[in-house]
Amino acid sequence: MIAITFSSCEKDNLITTTNPVGSPIIVPPVAPPTFATDSTLLLGNPSNASSVEADYGNYLLREGYYSVSYNRDRGTPNWVSWHVVSTDFGSTPRQDDFRENQSLPSGWYRVGGTSYLSSGFDRGHMCPSADRTSSIEANSSTFLMTNMIPQAPNCNQVTWANLEDYCRTLVQGGSELYVIAGAYGEGGTATGGLTTTLDNGRITVPANVWKVIVVLPNGANDLSRVSNATRVISVVMPNDNSINNDWRAYRTSVDFIEQETGYNMLDKVSSAIQNNIEATVDNL
């Protein structure tokens, strides 16, 4: 057996304004297909996000490689949704081109690549860089700041990263994943103690981060293949530097995350199956 090692979250406390080695290509968002078996919103739109500018607390961004519900006033995503298959992995190096998202409506404040500077918090990816290494365009897309939250370093680089790595081993083992990740609450604890906002109050530091992972064997017609036997991994972690490094300690049910956030996860799945898999806490 060949051992496979992934690098998901690299240390991100020292933020520079220089371009990474290799001068990566910065590409505009690429619109994904509206209907496809690998649609980033195939299993649902948890908050019914829309691309109407007036929906500033729940604004839908389709970035081609993932979809986002963005909250203008928090300066962070509510959630990010994406699909992972083995062909998403390649040899493209991490681009590190953190930057503002120029596709946000005119007049909205745009969080920049240095907006977390000296805060003690990492620029924590929701859709991970290491899930999008098939091309420069794919990897670069994950460094838009609309895909980031202020994340305590030990949460980001250890516990969250361990879960991201585990997910990639599932994909390399013959599975495909539908993933939704987000954050809620206010107030995280990093190297400088409890903090509620950054960047002169324009960015809210969340209290908790969460993730829902639907695991399917590789195949087609994915929505119809979600069943009562489908494995769903759900976690809620505190955005705290004192976090346990074992992600399994934070497993919960989808129902609990829905209760905490008010979202309706996996709403495209039949209600009977939803009721079953959303109540189950993973124990593998």
Protein backbone atom coordinates (compact mmCIF):
# COMPACT_ATOMS: atom_id res chain seq x y z
CA MET A 1 0.00 0.00 0.00
CA ILE A 2 1.31 3.46 -0.86
CA ALA A 3 1.04 6.00 1.95
CA ILE A 4 -0.55 9.26 0.83
CA THR A 5 0.12 12.47 2.77
CA PHE A 6 -1.86 15.64 2.28
CA SER A 7 -1.07 19.17 3.36
CA SER A 8 -4.30 20.99 4.03
CA CYS A 9 -3.75 23.99 6.28
CA GLU A 10 -0.41 25.72 6.45
CA LYS A 11 0.57 28.20 9.15
CA ASP A 12 -0.96 31.53 8.25
CA ASN A 13 -0.15 34.00 11.01
CA LEU A 14 2.53 35.89 9.10
CA ILE A 15 0.74 37.71 6.31
CA THR A 16 2.74 39.37 3.56
CA THR A 17 1.73 41.42 0.58
CA THR A 18 4.25 39.87 -1.81
CA ASN A 19 3.17 37.53 -4.55
CA PRO A 20 3.91 33.82 -3.95
CA VAL A 21 6.71 32.15 -5.84
CA GLY A 22 5.77 31.51 -9.42
CA SER A 23 3.49 34.55 -9.81
CA PRO A 24 0.23 32.55 -9.89
CA ILE A 25 -2.46 33.38 -12.36
CA ILE A 26 -5.37 35.14 -10.67
CA VAL A 27 -8.49 34.08 -12.48
CA PRO A 28 -12.03 35.43 -12.34
CA PRO A 29 -14.77 33.18 -10.96
CA VAL A 30 -15.97 30.56 -13.41
CA ALA A 31 -19.71 29.91 -13.55
CA PRO A 32 -20.45 26.23 -12.95
CA PRO A 33 -23.19 24.30 -14.75
CA THR A 34 -26.63 24.91 -13.32
CA PHE A 35 -27.58 21.24 -13.50
CA ALA A 36 -25.01 18.49 -13.16
CA THR A 37 -24.37 15.43 -11.07
CA ASP A 38 -21.44 17.23 -9.49
CA SER A 39 -23.22 20.55 -8.87
CA THR A 40 -21.96 22.27 -5.74
CA LEU A 41 -25.58 22.75 -4.68
CA LEU A 42 -26.87 19.37 -5.80
CA LEU A 43 -28.04 18.35 -2.32
CA GLY A 44 -29.51 21.73 -1.50
CA ASN A 45 -29.10 25.42 -0.72
CA PRO A 46 -29.18 25.43 3.11
CA SER A 47 -30.25 29.05 3.61
CA ASN A 48 -31.94 29.61 0.25
CA ALA A 49 -29.20 32.10 -0.63
CA SER A 50 -29.83 34.28 -3.67
CA SER A 51 -27.82 36.49 -6.01
CA VAL A 52 -30.12 39.45 -5.33
CA GLU A 53 -28.02 42.32 -3.97
CA ALA A 54 -30.64 43.19 -1.36
CA ASP A 55 -30.07 39.77 0.18
CA TYR A 56 -26.85 41.08 1.74
CA GLY A 57 -26.87 38.71 4.68
CA ASN A 58 -27.33 35.63 2.49
CA TYR A 59 -25.77 36.50 -0.86
CA LEU A 60 -25.09 33.65 -3.27
CA LEU A 61 -21.70 33.50 -5.00
CA ARG A 62 -21.13 30.77 -7.58
CA GLU A 63 -17.35 30.53 -7.85
CA GLY A 64 -17.19 27.62 -10.26
CA TYR A 65 -15.35 25.31 -7.87
CA TYR A 66 -17.66 25.91 -4.90
CA SER A 67 -20.70 28.00 -3.92
CA VAL A 68 -20.98 30.51 -1.07
CA SER A 69 -23.65 32.11 1.06
CA TYR A 70 -21.91 35.38 1.95
CA ASN A 71 -22.79 37.78 4.74
CA ARG A 72 -21.82 41.35 3.90
CA ASP A 73 -22.11 42.67 7.44
CA ARG A 74 -20.10 39.83 9.01
CA GLY A 75 -17.47 39.92 6.24
CA THR A 76 -17.45 36.13 6.11
CA PRO A 77 -19.33 33.28 4.46
CA ASN A 78 -22.32 31.81 6.26
CA TRP A 79 -21.49 28.56 4.51
CA VAL A 80 -19.57 27.17 1.54
CA SER A 81 -20.65 24.09 -0.42
CA TRP A 82 -18.55 21.93 -2.74
CA HIS A 83 -18.15 18.47 -4.28
CA VAL A 84 -14.92 16.45 -4.16
CA VAL A 85 -13.85 13.62 -6.48
CA SER A 86 -10.40 12.17 -7.15
CA THR A 87 -9.93 14.23 -10.31
CA ASP A 88 -9.98 17.37 -8.14
CA PHE A 89 -6.53 16.34 -6.89
CA GLY A 90 -3.46 17.08 -8.96
CA SER A 91 0.04 18.50 -8.74
CA THR A 92 -0.77 22.22 -8.67
CA PRO A 93 1.07 23.90 -5.77
CA ARG A 94 -0.69 26.03 -3.18
CA GLN A 95 -1.06 29.51 -4.72
CA ASP A 96 -1.35 31.58 -1.51
CA ASP A 97 -2.87 34.47 -3.50
CA PHE A 98 -5.26 35.68 -0.78
CA ARG A 99 -7.30 38.54 -2.21
CA GLU A 100 -10.58 40.42 -2.19
CA ASN A 101 -13.47 39.14 -4.24
CA GLN A 102 -14.09 41.69 -6.96
CA SER A 103 -17.39 40.09 -7.93
CA LEU A 104 -19.13 41.38 -4.80
CA PRO A 105 -21.67 44.12 -5.50
CA SER A 106 -20.36 47.64 -5.96
CA GLY A 107 -20.23 49.56 -2.70
CA TRP A 108 -19.84 46.51 -0.47
CA TYR A 109 -16.77 46.39 1.74
CA ARG A 110 -14.37 43.79 0.39
CA VAL A 111 -12.24 41.91 2.86
CA GLY A 112 -8.65 41.92 1.60
CA GLY A 113 -5.75 39.54 1.85
CA THR A 114 -4.19 41.51 4.74
CA SER A 115 -7.41 42.28 6.64
CA TYR A 116 -6.58 39.75 9.39
CA LEU A 117 -3.07 41.18 9.83
CA SER A 118 -1.70 40.89 13.41
CA SER A 119 -5.04 39.57 14.67
CA GLY A 120 -3.73 36.20 15.86
CA PHE A 121 -6.29 34.46 13.63
CA ASP A 122 -5.60 32.44 10.50
CA ARG A 123 -7.29 33.06 7.19
CA GLY A 124 -9.20 29.81 7.50
CA HIS A 125 -10.40 28.22 4.27
CA MET A 126 -13.88 26.77 4.10
CA CYS A 127 -13.35 25.01 0.73
CA PRO A 128 -9.74 23.87 1.24
CA SER A 129 -6.91 24.70 -1.10
CA ALA A 130 -5.87 21.03 -1.09
CA ASP A 131 -9.29 19.99 -2.40
CA ARG A 132 -8.61 22.01 -5.56
CA THR A 133 -5.18 21.09 -6.92
CA SER A 134 -6.18 20.03 -10.43
CA SER A 135 -5.25 23.42 -11.92
CA ILE A 136 -3.93 26.87 -11.02
CA GLU A 137 -7.40 28.28 -11.65
CA ALA A 138 -9.04 25.83 -9.27
CA ASN A 139 -6.51 26.35 -6.49
CA SER A 140 -6.42 30.11 -6.89
CA SER A 141 -10.20 30.28 -6.56
CA THR A 142 -10.02 29.03 -2.97
CA PHE A 143 -7.96 32.06 -1.91
CA LEU A 144 -10.77 34.56 -2.41
CA MET A 145 -11.45 36.06 1.01
CA THR A 146 -15.15 35.29 0.63
CA ASN A 147 -14.05 31.67 1.25
CA MET A 148 -12.34 32.56 4.56
CA ILE A 149 -13.20 32.98 8.22
CA PRO A 150 -10.98 34.21 11.07
CA GLN A 151 -10.00 30.84 12.57
CA ALA A 152 -7.96 30.14 15.70
CA PRO A 153 -4.62 28.65 14.60
CA ASN A 154 -4.95 25.35 16.48
CA CYS A 155 -8.48 24.91 15.20
CA ASN A 156 -7.44 25.64 11.61
CA GLN A 157 -4.03 23.99 11.44
CA VAL A 158 -4.68 20.95 13.62
CA THR A 159 -8.23 19.75 14.26
CA TRP A 160 -9.93 21.19 11.17
CA ALA A 161 -6.93 20.17 9.05
CA ASN A 162 -7.06 16.62 10.42
CA LEU A 163 -10.68 16.34 9.28
CA GLU A 164 -9.83 17.76 5.86
CA ASP A 165 -7.04 15.21 5.48
CA TYR A 166 -9.36 12.40 6.53
CA CYS A 167 -11.89 13.49 3.91
CA ARG A 168 -9.23 13.30 1.20
CA THR A 169 -8.29 9.78 2.24
CA LEU A 170 -11.95 8.82 1.74
CA VAL A 171 -11.85 10.23 -1.79
CA GLN A 172 -8.59 8.43 -2.57
CA GLY A 173 -10.24 5.27 -1.27
CA GLY A 174 -13.06 5.39 -3.84
CA SER A 175 -15.61 7.82 -2.43
CA GLU A 176 -16.92 11.16 -3.58
CA LEU A 177 -18.00 13.79 -1.08
CA TYR A 178 -20.56 16.55 -0.89
CA VAL A 179 -19.40 19.01 1.74
CA ILE A 180 -20.95 22.06 3.38
CA ALA A 181 -18.91 24.07 5.89
CA GLY A 182 -19.67 27.24 7.77
CA ALA A 183 -19.50 29.21 10.98
CA TYR A 184 -21.85 30.86 13.44
CA GLY A 185 -21.88 32.83 16.67
CA GLU A 186 -19.58 35.64 17.72
CA GLY A 187 -16.28 35.51 19.57
CA GLY A 188 -13.28 33.26 19.01
CA THR A 189 -10.17 32.72 21.11
CA ALA A 190 -6.75 32.80 19.46
CA THR A 191 -3.28 33.86 20.55
CA GLY A 192 -4.50 37.24 21.80
CA GLY A 193 -7.50 35.96 23.74
CA LEU A 194 -11.22 36.30 23.08
CA THR A 195 -11.94 38.50 20.06
CA THR A 196 -15.31 39.36 18.53
CA THR A 197 -14.38 41.46 15.48
CA LEU A 198 -11.43 42.36 13.26
CA ASP A 199 -10.63 45.12 10.78
CA ASN A 200 -12.31 47.93 12.73
CA GLY A 201 -15.44 45.90 13.31
CA ARG A 202 -15.97 44.95 9.67
CA ILE A 203 -15.23 41.24 10.14
CA THR A 204 -17.01 39.10 12.74
CA VAL A 205 -14.98 36.38 14.44
CA PRO A 206 -17.25 33.30 14.73
CA ALA A 207 -17.58 31.29 17.92
CA ASN A 208 -18.03 27.96 16.16
CA VAL A 209 -17.19 26.25 12.88
CA TRP A 210 -19.17 23.36 11.44
CA LYS A 211 -19.07 20.90 8.59
CA VAL A 212 -21.43 18.35 7.02
CA ILE A 213 -19.90 15.65 4.78
CA VAL A 214 -22.03 13.27 2.70
CA VAL A 215 -20.00 10.23 1.65
CA LEU A 216 -20.98 8.30 -1.50
CA PRO A 217 -19.20 5.59 -3.48
CA ASN A 218 -18.05 6.89 -6.85
CA GLY A 219 -20.88 6.81 -9.37
CA ALA A 220 -23.51 8.79 -11.25
CA ASN A 221 -26.99 10.14 -10.44
CA ASP A 222 -25.71 11.13 -7.02
CA LEU A 223 -28.89 12.62 -5.58
CA SER A 224 -30.82 9.41 -6.20
CA ARG A 225 -28.05 7.38 -4.54
CA VAL A 226 -28.38 9.07 -1.14
CA SER A 227 -30.10 6.49 1.08
CA ASN A 228 -30.77 5.66 4.70
CA ALA A 229 -27.43 3.84 4.69
CA THR A 230 -25.44 6.86 3.45
CA ARG A 231 -22.68 7.94 5.80
CA VAL A 232 -22.93 11.56 6.92
CA ILE A 233 -20.18 13.09 9.07
CA SER A 234 -21.16 16.25 10.94
CA VAL A 235 -19.03 18.28 13.33
CA VAL A 236 -19.24 21.51 15.32
CA MET A 237 -15.94 22.81 16.73
CA PRO A 238 -15.23 25.79 18.97
CA ASN A 239 -13.14 28.50 17.31
CA ASP A 240 -10.66 28.25 20.15
CA ASN A 241 -6.93 27.66 20.41
CA SER A 242 -7.44 25.18 23.26
CA ILE A 243 -9.36 22.81 20.99
CA ASN A 244 -8.91 19.02 21.19
CA ASN A 245 -6.83 17.87 18.21
CA ASP A 246 -9.14 14.89 17.53
CA TRP A 247 -11.93 15.99 15.21
CA ARG A 248 -13.98 12.95 16.21
CA ALA A 249 -14.53 14.52 19.62
CA TYR A 250 -16.75 17.13 17.93
CA ARG A 251 -19.09 14.88 15.97
CA THR A 252 -22.76 15.71 16.17
CA SER A 253 -25.91 15.38 14.05
CA VAL A 254 -27.05 17.46 11.10
CA ASP A 255 -30.19 18.13 13.14
CA PHE A 256 -28.08 19.85 15.81
CA ILE A 257 -26.35 22.08 13.25
CA GLU A 258 -29.72 22.99 11.75
CA GLN A 259 -31.00 23.86 15.21
CA GLU A 260 -27.98 26.10 15.84
CA THR A 261 -27.98 27.86 12.47
CA GLY A 262 -31.58 27.79 11.28
CA TYR A 263 -30.51 26.22 7.98
CA ASN A 264 -32.15 23.34 6.14
CA MET A 265 -29.36 21.00 5.07
CA LEU A 266 -29.70 18.43 2.31
CA ASP A 267 -33.14 19.73 1.39
CA LYS A 268 -33.03 18.15 -2.08
CA VAL A 269 -32.88 14.70 -0.49
CA SER A 270 -36.26 13.05 0.12
CA SER A 271 -37.73 13.99 3.49
CA ALA A 272 -37.91 10.39 4.72
CA ILE A 273 -34.19 9.84 4.08
CA GLN A 274 -33.33 13.30 5.43
CA ASN A 275 -35.07 12.55 8.71
CA ASN A 276 -32.98 9.44 9.16
CA ILE A 277 -29.50 10.52 8.11
CA GLU A 278 -29.74 13.96 9.68
CA ALA A 279 -30.52 12.51 13.11
CA THR A 280 -27.56 10.11 13.06
CA VAL A 281 -24.21 10.87 14.71
CA ASP A 282 -21.32 9.25 12.83
CA ASN A 283 -19.32 6.71 14.84
CA LEU A 284 -16.91 5.14 12.35
